[in-house]
Amino acid sequence: MSMYNPEDLMNMQHCNLLCLPENYQMKYYFYHGLSWPQLSYIAEDENGKIVGYVLAKMEEDPDDVPHGHITSLAVKRSHRRLGLAQKLMDQASRAMIENFNAKYVSLHVRKSNRAALHLYSNTLKFQISEIEPKYYADGEDAYAMKRDLAHMADEVRSQEKRERGTVAERAKNSVKLAKQQKAQTSKIHPPIHNDSDLFSSHF
């Protein structure tokens, strides 16, 4: 699993066409990729072929706290039930926190999509915020859902603190080791004094 690259966009679109009825023109993928390159991720198989992706962005609402939105999530049928969707969603959410200090993430899902609803509600702890009538092009209603990111933000900060502590400890140990090596070198090779330091004459 990795952050998307611009050359991945065509394959992301292909995965979208295979998996979902909601499809987008390539310029919409470019819009996400150019505006929020840190937030979209891909999952690849052992041959490097894209088998899943998450397309995400930040919402630009000055009247609300910083929050992200999952535009599209898809995993090919051959690679479902492997936890890829959860990993993609968690990675995008984490990136929203780290890069934009997001407080929550939102998405829309079809009322009839039971598998997605189970993932969002039971595994990822999204909450239904409202029902949006006829949200989809075919007239189906959508659940608007939100996931609070406070708990994940705490985990991110704790991990960053641990990593800073580890780096500081390594630096401290490196300095200590360098001093020890210098002391040992001085014992083995005492400084050589120039004769002029030992015998000075004044005329």
C-alpha atoms as a PDB file:
ATOM      1  CA  MET A   1       0.000   0.000   0.000  1.00  0.00           C
ATOM      2  CA  SER A   2       1.385   3.378  -0.953  1.00  0.00           C
ATOM      3  CA  MET A   3       0.541   6.971  -1.765  1.00  0.00           C
ATOM      4  CA  TYR A   4      -0.681   7.323  -5.326  1.00  0.00           C
ATOM      5  CA  ASN A   5       1.531   8.646  -8.124  1.00  0.00           C
ATOM      6  CA  PRO A   6       0.179  10.625 -11.111  1.00  0.00           C
ATOM      7  CA  GLU A   7       0.885   7.663 -13.389  1.00  0.00           C
ATOM      8  CA  ASP A   8      -1.515   5.579 -11.264  1.00  0.00           C
ATOM      9  CA  LEU A   9      -4.573   7.667 -12.165  1.00  0.00           C
ATOM     10  CA  MET A  10      -5.529   5.705 -15.291  1.00  0.00           C
ATOM     11  CA  ASN A  11      -5.427   2.419 -13.388  1.00  0.00           C
ATOM     12  CA  MET A  12      -7.359   3.936 -10.501  1.00  0.00           C
ATOM     13  CA  GLN A  13     -10.055   4.994 -12.939  1.00  0.00           C
ATOM     14  CA  HIS A  14     -10.086   1.494 -14.447  1.00  0.00           C
ATOM     15  CA  CYS A  15     -10.518  -0.028 -10.978  1.00  0.00           C
ATOM     16  CA  ASN A  16     -13.363   2.401 -10.345  1.00  0.00           C
ATOM     17  CA  LEU A  17     -15.126   1.385 -13.565  1.00  0.00           C
ATOM     18  CA  LEU A  18     -14.850  -2.297 -12.638  1.00  0.00           C
ATOM     19  CA  CYS A  19     -16.094  -1.916  -9.075  1.00  0.00           C
ATOM     20  CA  LEU A  20     -18.538   0.970  -8.769  1.00  0.00           C
ATOM     21  CA  PRO A  21     -21.543   2.483 -10.540  1.00  0.00           C
ATOM     22  CA  GLU A  22     -20.315   5.975  -9.578  1.00  0.00           C
ATOM     23  CA  ASN A  23     -17.697   6.894 -12.161  1.00  0.00           C
ATOM     24  CA  TYR A  24     -15.674  10.030 -12.746  1.00  0.00           C
ATOM     25  CA  GLN A  25     -13.943  11.750 -15.625  1.00  0.00           C
ATOM     26  CA  MET A  26     -10.153  11.775 -15.552  1.00  0.00           C
ATOM     27  CA  LYS A  27     -10.049  15.509 -14.812  1.00  0.00           C
ATOM     28  CA  TYR A  28     -11.758  14.792 -11.466  1.00  0.00           C
ATOM     29  CA  TYR A  29      -8.943  12.408 -10.509  1.00  0.00           C
ATOM     30  CA  PHE A  30      -6.401  15.029 -11.538  1.00  0.00           C
ATOM     31  CA  TYR A  31      -8.230  17.601  -9.402  1.00  0.00           C
ATOM     32  CA  HIS A  32      -7.814  15.420  -6.327  1.00  0.00           C
ATOM     33  CA  GLY A  33      -4.255  14.466  -7.163  1.00  0.00           C
ATOM     34  CA  LEU A  34      -3.061  18.007  -7.756  1.00  0.00           C
ATOM     35  CA  SER A  35      -4.935  19.587  -4.850  1.00  0.00           C
ATOM     36  CA  TRP A  36      -4.401  16.934  -2.156  1.00  0.00           C
ATOM     37  CA  PRO A  37      -1.621  14.578  -3.317  1.00  0.00           C
ATOM     38  CA  GLN A  38      -1.059  13.328   0.253  1.00  0.00           C
ATOM     39  CA  LEU A  39      -4.552  11.889   0.695  1.00  0.00           C
ATOM     40  CA  SER A  40      -5.063   9.258  -2.019  1.00  0.00           C
ATOM     41  CA  TYR A  41      -3.624   5.744  -1.751  1.00  0.00           C
ATOM     42  CA  ILE A  42      -3.439   2.564  -3.794  1.00  0.00           C
ATOM     43  CA  ALA A  43      -3.167  -1.140  -2.990  1.00  0.00           C
ATOM     44  CA  GLU A  44      -1.248  -3.344  -5.419  1.00  0.00           C
ATOM     45  CA  ASP A  45      -0.938  -7.090  -5.949  1.00  0.00           C
ATOM     46  CA  GLU A  46       2.361  -8.977  -6.117  1.00  0.00           C
ATOM     47  CA  ASN A  47       2.711  -7.983  -9.782  1.00  0.00           C
ATOM     48  CA  GLY A  48       2.305  -4.279  -9.099  1.00  0.00           C
ATOM     49  CA  LYS A  49      -1.232  -4.068 -10.489  1.00  0.00           C
ATOM     50  CA  ILE A  50      -3.681  -1.800  -8.682  1.00  0.00           C
ATOM     51  CA  VAL A  51      -6.376  -3.818  -6.913  1.00  0.00           C
ATOM     52  CA  GLY A  52      -7.804  -1.045  -4.753  1.00  0.00           C
ATOM     53  CA  TYR A  53      -7.654   2.661  -4.097  1.00  0.00           C
ATOM     54  CA  VAL A  54      -9.044   5.468  -1.991  1.00  0.00           C
ATOM     55  CA  LEU A  55      -9.608   8.912  -3.495  1.00  0.00           C
ATOM     56  CA  ALA A  56      -9.867  11.611  -0.841  1.00  0.00           C
ATOM     57  CA  LYS A  57      -9.848  15.363  -0.376  1.00  0.00           C
ATOM     58  CA  MET A  58     -10.250  18.104   2.196  1.00  0.00           C
ATOM     59  CA  GLU A  59     -13.535  19.995   2.349  1.00  0.00           C
ATOM     60  CA  GLU A  60     -13.182  23.751   2.070  1.00  0.00           C
ATOM     61  CA  ASP A  61     -15.848  24.977   4.472  1.00  0.00           C
ATOM     62  CA  PRO A  62     -14.787  28.092   6.418  1.00  0.00           C
ATOM     63  CA  ASP A  63     -17.712  27.662   8.824  1.00  0.00           C
ATOM     64  CA  ASP A  64     -16.671  24.182   9.948  1.00  0.00           C
ATOM     65  CA  VAL A  65     -13.618  22.590  11.552  1.00  0.00           C
ATOM     66  CA  PRO A  66     -11.024  21.103   9.176  1.00  0.00           C
ATOM     67  CA  HIS A  67     -12.376  17.837   7.813  1.00  0.00           C
ATOM     68  CA  GLY A  68     -11.771  15.455   4.964  1.00  0.00           C
ATOM     69  CA  HIS A  69     -14.041  13.600   2.576  1.00  0.00           C
ATOM     70  CA  ILE A  70     -13.742  10.178   0.976  1.00  0.00           C
ATOM     71  CA  THR A  71     -14.739  10.682  -2.640  1.00  0.00           C
ATOM     72  CA  SER A  72     -14.318   7.075  -3.729  1.00  0.00           C
ATOM     73  CA  LEU A  73     -13.170   3.742  -2.293  1.00  0.00           C
ATOM     74  CA  ALA A  74     -12.892   0.568  -4.338  1.00  0.00           C
ATOM     75  CA  VAL A  75     -11.298  -2.873  -4.023  1.00  0.00           C
ATOM     76  CA  LYS A  76     -11.448  -5.440  -6.806  1.00  0.00           C
ATOM     77  CA  ARG A  77     -13.624  -8.450  -6.038  1.00  0.00           C
ATOM     78  CA  SER A  78     -10.613 -10.784  -6.241  1.00  0.00           C
ATOM     79  CA  HIS A  79      -8.957  -8.991  -3.331  1.00  0.00           C
ATOM     80  CA  ARG A  80     -11.868  -8.339  -0.996  1.00  0.00           C
ATOM     81  CA  ARG A  81     -12.102  -9.660   2.576  1.00  0.00           C
ATOM     82  CA  LEU A  82      -8.371  -9.061   3.041  1.00  0.00           C
ATOM     83  CA  GLY A  83      -8.709  -5.868   5.047  1.00  0.00           C
ATOM     84  CA  LEU A  84      -7.538  -3.649   2.189  1.00  0.00           C
ATOM     85  CA  ALA A  85     -10.516  -1.295   2.327  1.00  0.00           C
ATOM     86  CA  GLN A  86      -9.998  -0.678   6.041  1.00  0.00           C
ATOM     87  CA  LYS A  87      -6.264  -0.086   5.571  1.00  0.00           C
ATOM     88  CA  LEU A  88      -6.864   2.343   2.703  1.00  0.00           C
ATOM     89  CA  MET A  89      -9.442   4.265   4.716  1.00  0.00           C
ATOM     90  CA  ASP A  90      -7.256   4.415   7.819  1.00  0.00           C
ATOM     91  CA  GLN A  91      -4.245   5.566   5.821  1.00  0.00           C
ATOM     92  CA  ALA A  92      -6.198   8.371   4.132  1.00  0.00           C
ATOM     93  CA  SER A  93      -7.684   9.456   7.471  1.00  0.00           C
ATOM     94  CA  ARG A  94      -4.269   9.468   9.125  1.00  0.00           C
ATOM     95  CA  ALA A  95      -2.877  11.587   6.284  1.00  0.00           C
ATOM     96  CA  MET A  96      -5.720  14.063   6.782  1.00  0.00           C
ATOM     97  CA  ILE A  97      -4.725  14.415  10.432  1.00  0.00           C
ATOM     98  CA  GLU A  98      -0.990  14.679   9.816  1.00  0.00           C
ATOM     99  CA  ASN A  99      -1.189  17.127   6.917  1.00  0.00           C
ATOM    100  CA  PHE A 100      -4.330  19.170   7.592  1.00  0.00           C
ATOM    101  CA  ASN A 101      -5.231  18.576  11.256  1.00  0.00           C
ATOM    102  CA  ALA A 102      -8.589  17.093  10.216  1.00  0.00           C
ATOM    103  CA  LYS A 103     -11.121  16.601  13.009  1.00  0.00           C
ATOM    104  CA  TYR A 104     -13.405  14.214  11.144  1.00  0.00           C
ATOM    105  CA  VAL A 105     -13.891  12.567   7.764  1.00  0.00           C
ATOM    106  CA  SER A 106     -17.151  12.233   5.838  1.00  0.00           C
ATOM    107  CA  LEU A 107     -18.504  10.135   2.983  1.00  0.00           C
ATOM    108  CA  HIS A 108     -21.679   9.123   1.166  1.00  0.00           C
ATOM    109  CA  VAL A 109     -22.861   5.561   0.681  1.00  0.00           C
ATOM    110  CA  ARG A 110     -25.874   4.018  -1.014  1.00  0.00           C
ATOM    111  CA  LYS A 111     -28.591   2.886   1.382  1.00  0.00           C
ATOM    112  CA  SER A 112     -28.619  -0.479  -0.398  1.00  0.00           C
ATOM    113  CA  ASN A 113     -24.857  -1.104  -0.086  1.00  0.00           C
ATOM    114  CA  ARG A 114     -24.913  -3.364   2.961  1.00  0.00           C
ATOM    115  CA  ALA A 115     -21.293  -4.497   2.690  1.00  0.00           C
ATOM    116  CA  ALA A 116     -20.011  -0.923   2.658  1.00  0.00           C
ATOM    117  CA  LEU A 117     -22.365   0.066   5.468  1.00  0.00           C
ATOM    118  CA  HIS A 118     -21.031  -2.788   7.593  1.00  0.00           C
ATOM    119  CA  LEU A 119     -17.442  -1.682   6.982  1.00  0.00           C
ATOM    120  CA  TYR A 120     -18.146   1.965   7.706  1.00  0.00           C
ATOM    121  CA  SER A 121     -20.423   1.485  10.707  1.00  0.00           C
ATOM    122  CA  ASN A 122     -19.004  -1.576  12.461  1.00  0.00           C
ATOM    123  CA  THR A 123     -15.316  -1.558  11.560  1.00  0.00           C
ATOM    124  CA  LEU A 124     -14.458   2.100  10.998  1.00  0.00           C
ATOM    125  CA  LYS A 125     -17.020   3.562  13.430  1.00  0.00           C
ATOM    126  CA  PHE A 126     -18.686   6.017  11.066  1.00  0.00           C
ATOM    127  CA  GLN A 127     -22.000   7.451  12.221  1.00  0.00           C
ATOM    128  CA  ILE A 128     -24.948   8.304   9.979  1.00  0.00           C
ATOM    129  CA  SER A 129     -25.438  12.065  10.110  1.00  0.00           C
ATOM    130  CA  GLU A 130     -28.333  12.366   7.660  1.00  0.00           C
ATOM    131  CA  ILE A 131     -30.117  10.824   4.697  1.00  0.00           C
ATOM    132  CA  GLU A 132     -29.776  12.664   1.400  1.00  0.00           C
ATOM    133  CA  PRO A 133     -32.741  11.827  -0.870  1.00  0.00           C
ATOM    134  CA  LYS A 134     -32.009  10.912  -4.487  1.00  0.00           C
ATOM    135  CA  TYR A 135     -28.313  11.647  -4.055  1.00  0.00           C
ATOM    136  CA  TYR A 136     -27.252   9.262  -6.803  1.00  0.00           C
ATOM    137  CA  ALA A 137     -27.898   9.627 -10.523  1.00  0.00           C
ATOM    138  CA  ASP A 138     -30.305   6.674 -10.553  1.00  0.00           C
ATOM    139  CA  GLY A 139     -32.393   8.263  -7.796  1.00  0.00           C
ATOM    140  CA  GLU A 140     -31.210   6.152  -4.853  1.00  0.00           C
ATOM    141  CA  ASP A 141     -30.874   7.821  -1.452  1.00  0.00           C
ATOM    142  CA  ALA A 142     -27.521   8.145   0.297  1.00  0.00           C
ATOM    143  CA  TYR A 143     -26.451   7.975   3.899  1.00  0.00           C
ATOM    144  CA  ALA A 144     -24.154  10.876   4.755  1.00  0.00           C
ATOM    145  CA  MET A 145     -21.721   9.497   7.336  1.00  0.00           C
ATOM    146  CA  LYS A 146     -19.000  10.952   9.562  1.00  0.00           C
ATOM    147  CA  ARG A 147     -16.082   9.470  11.465  1.00  0.00           C
ATOM    148  CA  ASP A 148     -14.616  11.386  14.379  1.00  0.00           C
ATOM    149  CA  LEU A 149     -10.820  11.378  14.175  1.00  0.00           C
ATOM    150  CA  ALA A 150     -10.009  12.442  17.750  1.00  0.00           C
ATOM    151  CA  HIS A 151      -8.948   8.949  18.854  1.00  0.00           C
ATOM    152  CA  MET A 152      -6.783   8.430  15.774  1.00  0.00           C
ATOM    153  CA  ALA A 153      -5.258  11.893  16.268  1.00  0.00           C
ATOM    154  CA  ASP A 154      -4.252  10.913  19.813  1.00  0.00           C
ATOM    155  CA  GLU A 155      -2.617   7.759  18.446  1.00  0.00           C
ATOM    156  CA  VAL A 156      -0.771   9.782  15.802  1.00  0.00           C
ATOM    157  CA  ARG A 157       0.555  12.236  18.392  1.00  0.00           C
ATOM    158  CA  SER A 158       1.614   9.403  20.712  1.00  0.00           C
ATOM    159  CA  GLN A 159       3.482   7.677  17.911  1.00  0.00           C
ATOM    160  CA  GLU A 160       5.192  10.910  16.871  1.00  0.00           C
ATOM    161  CA  LYS A 161       6.234  11.479  20.491  1.00  0.00           C
ATOM    162  CA  ARG A 162       7.678   7.966  20.717  1.00  0.00           C
ATOM    163  CA  GLU A 163       9.542   8.443  17.449  1.00  0.00           C
ATOM    164  CA  ARG A 164      10.987  11.770  18.622  1.00  0.00           C
ATOM    165  CA  GLY A 165      12.086  10.103  21.843  1.00  0.00           C
ATOM    166  CA  THR A 166      13.734   7.283  19.908  1.00  0.00           C
ATOM    167  CA  VAL A 167      15.576   9.723  17.649  1.00  0.00           C
ATOM    168  CA  ALA A 168      16.729  11.782  20.634  1.00  0.00           C
ATOM    169  CA  GLU A 169      17.924   8.648  22.446  1.00  0.00           C
ATOM    170  CA  ARG A 170      19.842   7.489  19.374  1.00  0.00           C
ATOM    171  CA  ALA A 171      21.478  10.908  19.039  1.00  0.00           C
ATOM    172  CA  LYS A 172      22.410  10.864  22.726  1.00  0.00           C
ATOM    173  CA  ASN A 173      23.902   7.383  22.413  1.00  0.00           C
ATOM    174  CA  SER A 174      25.835   8.404  19.292  1.00  0.00           C
ATOM    175  CA  VAL A 175      27.402  11.356  21.112  1.00  0.00           C
ATOM    176  CA  LYS A 176      28.248   9.136  24.083  1.00  0.00           C
ATOM    177  CA  LEU A 177      29.819   6.505  21.828  1.00  0.00           C
ATOM    178  CA  ALA A 178      31.841   9.133  19.959  1.00  0.00           C
ATOM    179  CA  LYS A 179      33.224  10.456  23.262  1.00  0.00           C
ATOM    180  CA  GLN A 180      34.137   6.936  24.391  1.00  0.00           C
ATOM    181  CA  GLN A 181      35.902   6.212  21.105  1.00  0.00           C
ATOM    182  CA  LYS A 182      37.792   9.498  21.321  1.00  0.00           C
ATOM    183  CA  ALA A 183      38.883   8.710  24.891  1.00  0.00           C
ATOM    184  CA  GLN A 184      40.084   5.238  23.880  1.00  0.00           C
ATOM    185  CA  THR A 185      41.993   6.665  20.921  1.00  0.00           C
ATOM    186  CA  SER A 186      43.718   9.188  23.187  1.00  0.00           C
ATOM    187  CA  LYS A 187      44.896   6.381  25.503  1.00  0.00           C
ATOM    188  CA  ILE A 188      46.284   4.324  22.646  1.00  0.00           C
ATOM    189  CA  HIS A 189      47.848   7.242  20.804  1.00  0.00           C
ATOM    190  CA  PRO A 190      48.860   9.962  23.309  1.00  0.00           C
ATOM    191  CA  PRO A 191      49.381  13.384  21.760  1.00  0.00           C
ATOM    192  CA  ILE A 192      52.877  13.995  20.324  1.00  0.00           C
ATOM    193  CA  HIS A 193      54.526  17.160  21.578  1.00  0.00           C
ATOM    194  CA  ASN A 194      56.715  19.223  19.328  1.00  0.00           C
ATOM    195  CA  ASP A 195      60.280  19.737  20.569  1.00  0.00           C
ATOM    196  CA  SER A 196      59.729  23.443  20.594  1.00  0.00           C
ATOM    197  CA  ASP A 197      56.986  22.868  23.172  1.00  0.00           C
ATOM    198  CA  LEU A 198      59.371  20.968  25.453  1.00  0.00           C
ATOM    199  CA  PHE A 199      62.535  23.081  25.059  1.00  0.00           C
ATOM    200  CA  SER A 200      62.078  26.716  24.453  1.00  0.00           C
ATOM    201  CA  SER A 201      64.976  29.142  24.236  1.00  0.00           C
ATOM    202  CA  HIS A 202      64.974  32.839  24.443  1.00  0.00           C
ATOM    203  CA  PHE A 203      67.733  34.884  22.889  1.00  0.00           C
END
